[in-house]
Amino acid sequence: MDSDDSDPWSSANHIGRATTDTRRDLTMATRKDYIAFAALLASETAMARHNEDTATLRVLRNLTLSIADIFAHDSTKFDRQKFYRACMKGEKHNEQPK
């Protein structure tokens, strides 16, 4: 089956450009987004730790770093360290990012 440029979900249309195309269509993240992502990543991290799944822990760390890059790009007030702590240690992200 040939790649069809009209199909936005075909893999050929996403190779090498998913990040730039996707970012153009998104609005700035909010504090609620930071909290939701941190809670999700904390939950998955806790499960991977419980299961002693080191491969998943590595993936979650890399994903956390990438998400933090996106949030930091959106807001100079975003606090990476607070986000990392909330994601990796399962701490609640209660304060507004600085």
Protein backbone atom coordinates (compact mmCIF):
# COMPACT_ATOMS: atom_id res chain seq x y z
CA MET A 1 0.00 0.00 0.00
CA ASP A 2 1.47 3.40 -0.98
CA SER A 3 1.68 6.32 1.40
CA ASP A 4 -1.14 8.79 0.88
CA ASP A 5 -0.32 12.44 1.69
CA SER A 6 -4.01 13.08 2.30
CA ASP A 7 -4.02 10.60 5.21
CA PRO A 8 -2.72 12.54 8.25
CA TRP A 9 -2.24 9.28 10.18
CA SER A 10 0.04 7.57 7.67
CA SER A 11 3.50 6.99 9.09
CA ALA A 12 5.13 8.65 6.08
CA ASN A 13 3.42 11.92 6.99
CA HIS A 14 4.73 11.88 10.56
CA ILE A 15 8.35 10.88 10.13
CA GLY A 16 10.58 13.78 11.11
CA ARG A 17 7.85 16.35 11.39
CA ALA A 18 5.41 15.23 14.05
CA THR A 19 6.85 17.56 16.69
CA THR A 20 6.90 20.72 14.59
CA ASP A 21 3.50 20.18 12.97
CA THR A 22 1.84 19.21 16.24
CA ARG A 23 3.32 22.10 18.22
CA ARG A 24 2.01 24.62 15.72
CA ASP A 25 -1.56 23.55 16.42
CA LEU A 26 -1.35 23.54 20.23
CA THR A 27 -2.05 26.37 22.60
CA MET A 28 0.08 27.20 25.61
CA ALA A 29 -0.07 24.66 28.43
CA THR A 30 -1.63 25.70 31.71
CA ARG A 31 -0.95 24.86 35.35
CA LYS A 32 -3.73 22.28 35.12
CA ASP A 33 -1.87 20.62 32.25
CA TYR A 34 1.37 20.52 34.25
CA ILE A 35 -0.45 18.90 37.17
CA ALA A 36 -2.29 16.39 34.98
CA PHE A 37 0.88 15.29 33.21
CA ALA A 38 2.83 15.09 36.48
CA ALA A 39 0.09 12.96 38.07
CA LEU A 40 -0.02 10.62 35.08
CA LEU A 41 3.76 10.24 34.95
CA ALA A 42 3.97 9.79 38.74
CA SER A 43 1.37 7.03 38.61
CA GLU A 44 3.14 5.21 35.78
CA THR A 45 6.50 5.67 37.52
CA ALA A 46 5.16 4.23 40.76
CA MET A 47 3.81 1.21 38.89
CA ALA A 48 7.11 0.66 37.06
CA ARG A 49 9.03 0.95 40.35
CA HIS A 50 6.68 -1.51 42.01
CA ASN A 51 7.22 -3.96 39.14
CA GLU A 52 10.99 -3.22 39.09
CA ASP A 53 10.67 -2.45 35.38
CA THR A 54 13.89 -0.55 34.65
CA ALA A 55 13.24 -0.30 30.92
CA THR A 56 9.90 1.45 31.50
CA LEU A 57 11.51 3.72 34.11
CA ARG A 58 14.09 4.83 31.51
CA VAL A 59 11.33 5.55 28.98
CA LEU A 60 9.34 7.51 31.58
CA ARG A 61 12.41 9.59 32.50
CA ASN A 62 13.02 10.44 28.84
CA LEU A 63 9.36 11.22 28.30
CA THR A 64 9.36 13.47 31.38
CA LEU A 65 12.38 15.37 30.06
CA SER A 66 10.72 15.84 26.66
CA ILE A 67 7.44 17.02 28.16
CA ALA A 68 9.35 19.42 30.42
CA ASP A 69 11.09 20.84 27.34
CA ILE A 70 7.71 21.54 25.74
CA PHE A 71 6.32 23.17 28.90
CA ALA A 72 9.48 25.26 29.41
CA HIS A 73 9.25 26.45 25.82
CA ASP A 74 5.65 27.53 26.44
CA SER A 75 6.29 29.37 29.70
CA THR A 76 9.31 30.99 31.28
CA LYS A 77 7.54 30.50 34.63
CA PHE A 78 7.58 26.70 34.29
CA ASP A 79 9.67 25.11 37.08
CA ARG A 80 11.41 22.05 35.64
CA GLN A 81 12.77 20.82 38.96
CA LYS A 82 9.36 20.90 40.61
CA PHE A 83 7.88 19.06 37.64
CA TYR A 84 10.65 16.42 37.72
CA ARG A 85 10.13 15.84 41.43
CA ALA A 86 6.37 15.55 40.96
CA CYS A 87 6.75 13.09 38.10
CA MET A 88 9.55 10.88 39.34
CA LYS A 89 8.83 10.77 43.04
CA GLY A 90 5.07 10.82 42.89
CA GLU A 91 4.92 14.09 44.81
CA LYS A 92 1.85 16.19 44.39
CA HIS A 93 2.41 19.24 42.19
CA ASN A 94 0.43 21.74 44.27
CA GLU A 95 2.16 25.05 43.66
CA GLN A 96 1.95 27.21 40.60
CA PRO A 97 5.07 26.85 38.40
CA LYS A 98 7.57 29.70 38.75
